[in-house]
Amino acid sequence: MCDGRLHFYDRLQILEEKDRSLEQRERLRAVEKPLLAWYASRARKLPWREDPKPYRVWISEIMLQQTRVEAVKPYFERFMEAFPEIRDLAQAEDDRLMKLWEGLGYYSRARNLKAAAIQVMERFNGALPASYEALLSLPGIGSYTAGAIASIAYGIPVPAVDGNVLRVVSVFWQIPRTSEKPL
């Protein structure tokens, strides 16, 4: 940090004695509060964070795949206006859905959203399931998205690990990179 305060990783290094590294649990405890404070001070104001209902988190996570946050915001707002509930998405006409998705690319994401919405209506009485395993059973939802929905919308302590998380973890645990390719 440039403001004179120590970065959380620097604080962690100070906590570790020369002869003994902190145990894994101690390292996690030592970094938890500073990391959460850092996030709280820098978190962007995003529509899906302001109202983290499961459906909104799901749509945002799918839209954010391979797409910049700033580009997603207007698409998200239009999508929520057109399909405010899972039922609306399940009943959407394909042409209308594809027109709203136009510009985001990777159209299979939109097709999977509709297929998953239909399954949610049929299998889960119209409510996105509050189970990591059940979320994984839906089309287009992989481990990251299931983890994000479960943890953000339902408060279930499951990981949502993407390239950014892998970078932080590799620095935190001092894991050497085995490839020059970005994570």
C-alpha atoms as a PDB file:
ATOM      1  CA  MET A   1       0.000   0.000   0.000  1.00  0.00           C
ATOM      2  CA  CYS A   2       1.195   3.479  -0.746  1.00  0.00           C
ATOM      3  CA  ASP A   3      -0.505   5.157   2.221  1.00  0.00           C
ATOM      4  CA  GLY A   4       2.100   4.029   4.753  1.00  0.00           C
ATOM      5  CA  ARG A   5       0.025   1.154   6.131  1.00  0.00           C
ATOM      6  CA  LEU A   6       1.341  -2.358   5.834  1.00  0.00           C
ATOM      7  CA  HIS A   7      -0.181  -4.656   3.259  1.00  0.00           C
ATOM      8  CA  PHE A   8      -1.803  -7.721   4.866  1.00  0.00           C
ATOM      9  CA  TYR A   9       0.894  -9.980   3.432  1.00  0.00           C
ATOM     10  CA  ASP A  10       3.603  -7.774   5.004  1.00  0.00           C
ATOM     11  CA  ARG A  11       1.790  -7.963   8.342  1.00  0.00           C
ATOM     12  CA  LEU A  12       1.755 -11.734   8.050  1.00  0.00           C
ATOM     13  CA  GLN A  13       5.509 -11.801   7.456  1.00  0.00           C
ATOM     14  CA  ILE A  14       6.054  -9.754  10.625  1.00  0.00           C
ATOM     15  CA  LEU A  15       3.913 -12.199  12.606  1.00  0.00           C
ATOM     16  CA  GLU A  16       6.049 -15.114  11.557  1.00  0.00           C
ATOM     17  CA  GLU A  17       9.100 -15.671  13.700  1.00  0.00           C
ATOM     18  CA  LYS A  18      12.464 -16.314  12.080  1.00  0.00           C
ATOM     19  CA  ASP A  19      12.667 -19.862  13.394  1.00  0.00           C
ATOM     20  CA  ARG A  20       9.017 -20.876  13.020  1.00  0.00           C
ATOM     21  CA  SER A  21       6.420 -20.291  10.338  1.00  0.00           C
ATOM     22  CA  LEU A  22       2.838 -19.877  11.366  1.00  0.00           C
ATOM     23  CA  GLU A  23       0.717 -22.981  10.980  1.00  0.00           C
ATOM     24  CA  GLN A  24      -1.864 -22.945   8.187  1.00  0.00           C
ATOM     25  CA  ARG A  25      -4.773 -22.131  10.505  1.00  0.00           C
ATOM     26  CA  GLU A  26      -2.772 -19.345  12.145  1.00  0.00           C
ATOM     27  CA  ARG A  27      -1.908 -17.888   8.714  1.00  0.00           C
ATOM     28  CA  LEU A  28      -5.571 -17.944   7.725  1.00  0.00           C
ATOM     29  CA  ARG A  29      -6.663 -16.291  10.969  1.00  0.00           C
ATOM     30  CA  ALA A  30      -3.924 -13.673  10.660  1.00  0.00           C
ATOM     31  CA  VAL A  31      -4.989 -12.641   7.165  1.00  0.00           C
ATOM     32  CA  GLU A  32      -8.773 -12.910   7.490  1.00  0.00           C
ATOM     33  CA  LYS A  33      -9.554  -9.537   9.106  1.00  0.00           C
ATOM     34  CA  PRO A  34      -7.090  -7.460   7.052  1.00  0.00           C
ATOM     35  CA  LEU A  35      -8.274  -9.092   3.825  1.00  0.00           C
ATOM     36  CA  LEU A  36     -11.946  -8.498   4.633  1.00  0.00           C
ATOM     37  CA  ALA A  37     -11.168  -4.905   5.660  1.00  0.00           C
ATOM     38  CA  TRP A  38      -9.292  -4.381   2.388  1.00  0.00           C
ATOM     39  CA  TYR A  39     -12.284  -5.717   0.445  1.00  0.00           C
ATOM     40  CA  ALA A  40     -14.762  -3.566   2.403  1.00  0.00           C
ATOM     41  CA  SER A  41     -12.751  -0.434   1.651  1.00  0.00           C
ATOM     42  CA  ARG A  42     -12.410  -1.161  -2.071  1.00  0.00           C
ATOM     43  CA  ALA A  43     -15.509  -3.130  -3.082  1.00  0.00           C
ATOM     44  CA  ARG A  44     -17.172  -1.699  -6.150  1.00  0.00           C
ATOM     45  CA  LYS A  45     -20.828  -0.834  -5.992  1.00  0.00           C
ATOM     46  CA  LEU A  46     -22.497  -3.415  -8.221  1.00  0.00           C
ATOM     47  CA  PRO A  47     -26.213  -4.069  -8.703  1.00  0.00           C
ATOM     48  CA  TRP A  48     -25.966  -7.776  -7.898  1.00  0.00           C
ATOM     49  CA  ARG A  49     -24.079  -7.005  -4.680  1.00  0.00           C
ATOM     50  CA  GLU A  50     -26.639  -4.426  -3.579  1.00  0.00           C
ATOM     51  CA  ASP A  51     -29.380  -7.069  -3.749  1.00  0.00           C
ATOM     52  CA  PRO A  52     -27.651 -10.479  -3.644  1.00  0.00           C
ATOM     53  CA  LYS A  53     -30.705 -12.650  -4.213  1.00  0.00           C
ATOM     54  CA  PRO A  54     -29.780 -16.082  -5.613  1.00  0.00           C
ATOM     55  CA  TYR A  55     -31.261 -15.428  -9.067  1.00  0.00           C
ATOM     56  CA  ARG A  56     -29.427 -12.101  -9.407  1.00  0.00           C
ATOM     57  CA  VAL A  57     -26.120 -13.623  -8.250  1.00  0.00           C
ATOM     58  CA  TRP A  58     -26.558 -16.486 -10.720  1.00  0.00           C
ATOM     59  CA  ILE A  59     -27.270 -14.202 -13.686  1.00  0.00           C
ATOM     60  CA  SER A  60     -24.367 -11.901 -12.802  1.00  0.00           C
ATOM     61  CA  GLU A  61     -21.912 -14.786 -12.417  1.00  0.00           C
ATOM     62  CA  ILE A  62     -22.865 -16.226 -15.808  1.00  0.00           C
ATOM     63  CA  MET A  63     -22.648 -12.813 -17.482  1.00  0.00           C
ATOM     64  CA  LEU A  64     -19.273 -12.107 -15.880  1.00  0.00           C
ATOM     65  CA  GLN A  65     -17.674 -15.201 -17.413  1.00  0.00           C
ATOM     66  CA  GLN A  66     -15.123 -13.924 -19.952  1.00  0.00           C
ATOM     67  CA  THR A  67     -16.605 -10.407 -19.710  1.00  0.00           C
ATOM     68  CA  ARG A  68     -15.458  -7.244 -17.916  1.00  0.00           C
ATOM     69  CA  VAL A  69     -17.571  -6.019 -14.984  1.00  0.00           C
ATOM     70  CA  GLU A  70     -18.172  -2.572 -16.471  1.00  0.00           C
ATOM     71  CA  ALA A  71     -19.424  -4.148 -19.706  1.00  0.00           C
ATOM     72  CA  VAL A  72     -21.824  -6.424 -17.814  1.00  0.00           C
ATOM     73  CA  LYS A  73     -23.601  -3.752 -15.750  1.00  0.00           C
ATOM     74  CA  PRO A  74     -25.969  -2.429 -18.455  1.00  0.00           C
ATOM     75  CA  TYR A  75     -26.674  -5.946 -19.742  1.00  0.00           C
ATOM     76  CA  PHE A  76     -27.485  -7.100 -16.227  1.00  0.00           C
ATOM     77  CA  GLU A  77     -29.926  -4.210 -15.671  1.00  0.00           C
ATOM     78  CA  ARG A  78     -31.713  -4.860 -18.994  1.00  0.00           C
ATOM     79  CA  PHE A  79     -31.828  -8.599 -18.339  1.00  0.00           C
ATOM     80  CA  MET A  80     -33.328  -8.122 -14.869  1.00  0.00           C
ATOM     81  CA  GLU A  81     -35.911  -5.742 -16.275  1.00  0.00           C
ATOM     82  CA  ALA A  82     -36.898  -8.220 -19.013  1.00  0.00           C
ATOM     83  CA  PHE A  83     -36.706 -11.365 -16.842  1.00  0.00           C
ATOM     84  CA  PRO A  84     -37.128 -10.310 -13.190  1.00  0.00           C
ATOM     85  CA  GLU A  85     -37.863 -13.851 -11.968  1.00  0.00           C
ATOM     86  CA  ILE A  86     -36.660 -17.342 -12.851  1.00  0.00           C
ATOM     87  CA  ARG A  87     -40.145 -18.114 -14.167  1.00  0.00           C
ATOM     88  CA  ASP A  88     -39.811 -15.256 -16.701  1.00  0.00           C
ATOM     89  CA  LEU A  89     -36.472 -16.593 -17.942  1.00  0.00           C
ATOM     90  CA  ALA A  90     -37.832 -20.151 -18.210  1.00  0.00           C
ATOM     91  CA  GLN A  91     -40.706 -18.867 -20.352  1.00  0.00           C
ATOM     92  CA  ALA A  92     -38.602 -16.479 -22.451  1.00  0.00           C
ATOM     93  CA  GLU A  93     -38.806 -16.630 -26.207  1.00  0.00           C
ATOM     94  CA  ASP A  94     -35.431 -17.679 -27.565  1.00  0.00           C
ATOM     95  CA  ASP A  95     -35.221 -14.741 -29.996  1.00  0.00           C
ATOM     96  CA  ARG A  96     -35.840 -12.227 -27.215  1.00  0.00           C
ATOM     97  CA  LEU A  97     -33.291 -13.906 -24.943  1.00  0.00           C
ATOM     98  CA  MET A  98     -30.633 -13.920 -27.665  1.00  0.00           C
ATOM     99  CA  LYS A  99     -31.342 -10.284 -28.543  1.00  0.00           C
ATOM    100  CA  LEU A 100     -30.839  -9.255 -24.892  1.00  0.00           C
ATOM    101  CA  TRP A 101     -27.639 -11.314 -24.755  1.00  0.00           C
ATOM    102  CA  GLU A 102     -26.321  -9.809 -27.992  1.00  0.00           C
ATOM    103  CA  GLY A 103     -22.919  -8.229 -27.380  1.00  0.00           C
ATOM    104  CA  LEU A 104     -21.948 -10.482 -24.470  1.00  0.00           C
ATOM    105  CA  GLY A 105     -20.898 -13.326 -26.761  1.00  0.00           C
ATOM    106  CA  TYR A 106     -20.662 -16.991 -25.839  1.00  0.00           C
ATOM    107  CA  TYR A 107     -24.358 -17.529 -26.556  1.00  0.00           C
ATOM    108  CA  SER A 108     -24.303 -21.010 -25.061  1.00  0.00           C
ATOM    109  CA  ARG A 109     -24.323 -19.211 -21.687  1.00  0.00           C
ATOM    110  CA  ALA A 110     -27.733 -17.726 -22.485  1.00  0.00           C
ATOM    111  CA  ARG A 111     -29.081 -21.049 -23.758  1.00  0.00           C
ATOM    112  CA  ASN A 112     -27.832 -22.781 -20.607  1.00  0.00           C
ATOM    113  CA  LEU A 113     -29.434 -20.093 -18.434  1.00  0.00           C
ATOM    114  CA  LYS A 114     -32.818 -20.808 -19.982  1.00  0.00           C
ATOM    115  CA  ALA A 115     -32.364 -24.596 -19.777  1.00  0.00           C
ATOM    116  CA  ALA A 116     -31.356 -24.277 -16.123  1.00  0.00           C
ATOM    117  CA  ALA A 117     -34.302 -21.950 -15.406  1.00  0.00           C
ATOM    118  CA  ILE A 118     -36.670 -24.563 -16.853  1.00  0.00           C
ATOM    119  CA  GLN A 119     -35.111 -27.226 -14.626  1.00  0.00           C
ATOM    120  CA  VAL A 120     -35.337 -24.952 -11.583  1.00  0.00           C
ATOM    121  CA  MET A 121     -39.065 -24.513 -12.273  1.00  0.00           C
ATOM    122  CA  GLU A 122     -39.597 -28.251 -12.745  1.00  0.00           C
ATOM    123  CA  ARG A 123     -37.253 -29.714 -10.105  1.00  0.00           C
ATOM    124  CA  PHE A 124     -37.009 -27.016  -7.433  1.00  0.00           C
ATOM    125  CA  ASN A 125     -40.429 -25.311  -7.456  1.00  0.00           C
ATOM    126  CA  GLY A 126     -39.012 -22.184  -9.073  1.00  0.00           C
ATOM    127  CA  ALA A 127     -36.359 -21.488  -6.425  1.00  0.00           C
ATOM    128  CA  LEU A 128     -32.656 -21.760  -7.148  1.00  0.00           C
ATOM    129  CA  PRO A 129     -31.465 -24.566  -4.854  1.00  0.00           C
ATOM    130  CA  ALA A 130     -29.539 -23.677  -1.705  1.00  0.00           C
ATOM    131  CA  SER A 131     -27.181 -26.616  -2.147  1.00  0.00           C
ATOM    132  CA  TYR A 132     -23.805 -26.623  -3.863  1.00  0.00           C
ATOM    133  CA  GLU A 133     -24.407 -30.131  -5.207  1.00  0.00           C
ATOM    134  CA  ALA A 134     -27.884 -29.283  -6.533  1.00  0.00           C
ATOM    135  CA  LEU A 135     -26.553 -26.132  -8.190  1.00  0.00           C
ATOM    136  CA  LEU A 136     -23.900 -28.236  -9.943  1.00  0.00           C
ATOM    137  CA  SER A 137     -26.663 -30.375 -11.447  1.00  0.00           C
ATOM    138  CA  LEU A 138     -27.978 -27.433 -13.473  1.00  0.00           C
ATOM    139  CA  PRO A 139     -26.858 -26.759 -17.061  1.00  0.00           C
ATOM    140  CA  GLY A 140     -24.079 -24.185 -17.336  1.00  0.00           C
ATOM    141  CA  ILE A 141     -23.225 -24.160 -13.636  1.00  0.00           C
ATOM    142  CA  GLY A 142     -19.760 -25.419 -12.793  1.00  0.00           C
ATOM    143  CA  SER A 143     -17.843 -25.486  -9.542  1.00  0.00           C
ATOM    144  CA  TYR A 144     -16.945 -21.774  -9.509  1.00  0.00           C
ATOM    145  CA  THR A 145     -20.486 -20.579 -10.247  1.00  0.00           C
ATOM    146  CA  ALA A 146     -22.042 -23.041  -7.799  1.00  0.00           C
ATOM    147  CA  GLY A 147     -19.593 -21.874  -5.143  1.00  0.00           C
ATOM    148  CA  ALA A 148     -20.298 -18.213  -5.859  1.00  0.00           C
ATOM    149  CA  ILE A 149     -24.075 -18.648  -5.686  1.00  0.00           C
ATOM    150  CA  ALA A 150     -23.926 -20.843  -2.595  1.00  0.00           C
ATOM    151  CA  SER A 151     -21.559 -18.554  -0.700  1.00  0.00           C
ATOM    152  CA  ILE A 152     -22.787 -15.116  -1.814  1.00  0.00           C
ATOM    153  CA  ALA A 153     -26.529 -15.728  -1.950  1.00  0.00           C
ATOM    154  CA  TYR A 154     -26.952 -18.387   0.716  1.00  0.00           C
ATOM    155  CA  GLY A 155     -23.953 -17.873   3.010  1.00  0.00           C
ATOM    156  CA  ILE A 156     -22.850 -21.490   2.590  1.00  0.00           C
ATOM    157  CA  PRO A 157     -19.103 -21.783   3.266  1.00  0.00           C
ATOM    158  CA  VAL A 158     -17.982 -23.261  -0.050  1.00  0.00           C
ATOM    159  CA  PRO A 159     -15.178 -21.882  -2.210  1.00  0.00           C
ATOM    160  CA  ALA A 160     -15.546 -20.026  -5.471  1.00  0.00           C
ATOM    161  CA  VAL A 161     -12.073 -20.363  -6.956  1.00  0.00           C
ATOM    162  CA  ASP A 162     -11.150 -18.542 -10.161  1.00  0.00           C
ATOM    163  CA  GLY A 163      -7.876 -17.274 -11.618  1.00  0.00           C
ATOM    164  CA  ASN A 164      -7.812 -14.256  -9.313  1.00  0.00           C
ATOM    165  CA  VAL A 165      -8.207 -16.439  -6.239  1.00  0.00           C
ATOM    166  CA  LEU A 166      -5.492 -18.784  -7.513  1.00  0.00           C
ATOM    167  CA  ARG A 167      -3.094 -15.827  -7.895  1.00  0.00           C
ATOM    168  CA  VAL A 168      -3.753 -14.603  -4.336  1.00  0.00           C
ATOM    169  CA  VAL A 169      -3.479 -18.089  -2.878  1.00  0.00           C
ATOM    170  CA  SER A 170      -0.248 -18.831  -4.743  1.00  0.00           C
ATOM    171  CA  VAL A 171       1.335 -15.656  -3.344  1.00  0.00           C
ATOM    172  CA  PHE A 172      -0.095 -16.233   0.122  1.00  0.00           C
ATOM    173  CA  TRP A 173       1.110 -19.827   0.359  1.00  0.00           C
ATOM    174  CA  GLN A 174       4.290 -19.073  -1.630  1.00  0.00           C
ATOM    175  CA  ILE A 175       3.462 -21.632  -4.291  1.00  0.00           C
ATOM    176  CA  PRO A 176       5.816 -21.269  -7.256  1.00  0.00           C
ATOM    177  CA  ARG A 177       4.231 -20.866 -10.666  1.00  0.00           C
ATOM    178  CA  THR A 178       4.900 -23.842 -12.904  1.00  0.00           C
ATOM    179  CA  SER A 179       3.954 -22.060 -16.106  1.00  0.00           C
ATOM    180  CA  GLU A 180       4.463 -18.672 -17.686  1.00  0.00           C
ATOM    181  CA  LYS A 181       0.833 -18.773 -18.807  1.00  0.00           C
ATOM    182  CA  PRO A 182      -1.472 -16.514 -16.766  1.00  0.00           C
ATOM    183  CA  LEU A 183      -3.604 -18.375 -14.250  1.00  0.00           C
END
